[in-house]
C-alpha atoms as a PDB file:
ATOM      1  CA  UNK A   1      -5.054  -8.544  19.089  1.00  0.00           C
ATOM      2  CA  UNK A   2      -1.953  -7.367  17.242  1.00  0.00           C
ATOM      3  CA  UNK A   3       1.732  -7.443  18.141  1.00  0.00           C
ATOM      4  CA  UNK A   4       4.881  -5.830  16.751  1.00  0.00           C
ATOM      5  CA  UNK A   5       8.528  -6.494  17.585  1.00  0.00           C
ATOM      6  CA  UNK A   6      11.009  -3.657  17.095  1.00  0.00           C
ATOM      7  CA  UNK A   7      14.721  -3.746  16.222  1.00  0.00           C
ATOM      8  CA  UNK A   8      15.576  -2.505  19.736  1.00  0.00           C
ATOM      9  CA  UNK A   9      14.119  -5.717  21.203  1.00  0.00           C
ATOM     10  CA  UNK A  10      10.846  -4.322  22.518  1.00  0.00           C
ATOM     11  CA  UNK A  11       7.540  -6.069  21.916  1.00  0.00           C
ATOM     12  CA  UNK A  12       4.302  -4.066  21.703  1.00  0.00           C
ATOM     13  CA  UNK A  13       0.923  -5.756  22.081  1.00  0.00           C
ATOM     14  CA  UNK A  14      -2.376  -4.097  21.233  1.00  0.00           C
ATOM     15  CA  UNK A  15      -5.776  -5.544  22.055  1.00  0.00           C
ATOM     16  CA  UNK A  16      -9.414  -4.576  21.720  1.00  0.00           C
ATOM     17  CA  UNK A  17     -11.628  -5.073  24.740  1.00  0.00           C
ATOM     18  CA  UNK A  18     -15.263  -5.080  23.558  1.00  0.00           C
ATOM     19  CA  UNK A  19     -17.072  -2.007  24.871  1.00  0.00           C
ATOM     20  CA  UNK A  20     -13.847  -0.618  26.327  1.00  0.00           C
ATOM     21  CA  UNK A  21     -11.745   0.405  23.264  1.00  0.00           C
ATOM     22  CA  UNK A  22      -8.099  -0.278  22.319  1.00  0.00           C
ATOM     23  CA  UNK A  23      -5.277  -0.965  24.774  1.00  0.00           C
ATOM     24  CA  UNK A  24      -1.470  -1.262  24.643  1.00  0.00           C
ATOM     25  CA  UNK A  25       1.170  -2.993  26.738  1.00  0.00           C
ATOM     26  CA  UNK A  26       4.852  -3.524  25.990  1.00  0.00           C
ATOM     27  CA  UNK A  27       7.817  -5.642  27.015  1.00  0.00           C
ATOM     28  CA  UNK A  28      11.378  -4.340  26.888  1.00  0.00           C
ATOM     29  CA  UNK A  29      14.432  -6.194  25.582  1.00  0.00           C
ATOM     30  CA  UNK A  30      15.133  -7.658  29.055  1.00  0.00           C
ATOM     31  CA  UNK A  31      11.668  -9.289  28.905  1.00  0.00           C
ATOM     32  CA  UNK A  32      10.143  -7.051  31.584  1.00  0.00           C
ATOM     33  CA  UNK A  33       6.490  -6.204  30.961  1.00  0.00           C
ATOM     34  CA  UNK A  34       4.955  -2.810  31.768  1.00  0.00           C
ATOM     35  CA  UNK A  35       2.897  -2.967  34.962  1.00  0.00           C
ATOM     36  CA  UNK A  36      -0.202  -1.400  33.413  1.00  0.00           C
ATOM     37  CA  UNK A  37      -1.934  -1.246  30.055  1.00  0.00           C
ATOM     38  CA  UNK A  38      -2.544   2.109  28.384  1.00  0.00           C
ATOM     39  CA  UNK A  39      -5.713   3.045  26.541  1.00  0.00           C
ATOM     40  CA  UNK A  40      -4.652   4.043  23.012  1.00  0.00           C
ATOM     41  CA  UNK A  41      -8.042   4.857  21.496  1.00  0.00           C
ATOM     42  CA  UNK A  42     -11.221   5.703  23.427  1.00  0.00           C
ATOM     43  CA  UNK A  43     -13.556   4.735  20.571  1.00  0.00           C
ATOM     44  CA  UNK A  44     -15.823   2.006  21.970  1.00  0.00           C
ATOM     45  CA  UNK A  45     -16.804   0.896  18.449  1.00  0.00           C
ATOM     46  CA  UNK A  46     -13.376  -0.596  17.628  1.00  0.00           C
ATOM     47  CA  UNK A  47     -13.576  -4.265  16.709  1.00  0.00           C
ATOM     48  CA  UNK A  48     -10.033  -4.985  15.461  1.00  0.00           C
ATOM     49  CA  UNK A  49      -6.519  -3.585  15.397  1.00  0.00           C
ATOM     50  CA  UNK A  50      -3.359  -4.042  13.337  1.00  0.00           C
ATOM     51  CA  UNK A  51       0.210  -2.875  13.783  1.00  0.00           C
ATOM     52  CA  UNK A  52       3.669  -3.010  12.260  1.00  0.00           C
ATOM     53  CA  UNK A  53       7.060  -2.211  13.773  1.00  0.00           C
ATOM     54  CA  UNK A  54       9.322  -0.034  11.630  1.00  0.00           C
ATOM     55  CA  UNK A  55      13.141  -0.037  11.323  1.00  0.00           C
ATOM     56  CA  UNK A  56      13.403   3.294  13.197  1.00  0.00           C
ATOM     57  CA  UNK A  57      11.771   1.701  16.300  1.00  0.00           C
ATOM     58  CA  UNK A  58       8.455   3.438  15.700  1.00  0.00           C
ATOM     59  CA  UNK A  59       5.090   1.714  15.350  1.00  0.00           C
ATOM     60  CA  UNK A  60       2.240   2.152  12.918  1.00  0.00           C
ATOM     61  CA  UNK A  61      -1.077   1.270  14.565  1.00  0.00           C
ATOM     62  CA  UNK A  62      -4.455   1.089  12.890  1.00  0.00           C
ATOM     63  CA  UNK A  63      -7.937   0.217  14.090  1.00  0.00           C
ATOM     64  CA  UNK A  64     -11.230  -0.752  12.493  1.00  0.00           C
ATOM     65  CA  UNK A  65     -14.510   0.438  13.939  1.00  0.00           C
ATOM     66  CA  UNK A  66     -18.187   0.184  13.121  1.00  0.00           C
ATOM     67  CA  UNK A  67     -19.912   3.271  11.759  1.00  0.00           C
ATOM     68  CA  UNK A  68     -23.448   4.130  12.686  1.00  0.00           C
END
C-alpha cells in the first residue's frame, strides 16, 4: 500500500490486491471518500507500489512486478 497527500488537501491511496493488480481510491479535502476504487494497472504480477504527491497537485505512481 502507498499513500500521497497533495497540497489541495486530497489523499490518494494505492494498494495491490494479489492476483488482481493495482487499485486507487481517494479522499477529498472535506474528508469524503470516493465510492469505488479504480484499477490503475491491470498487470497481475504487481507485488508493490509507491507514490509521491507533487506541489502541482499531480501524483507520481510506480509499481514493482515479477518478470517471468
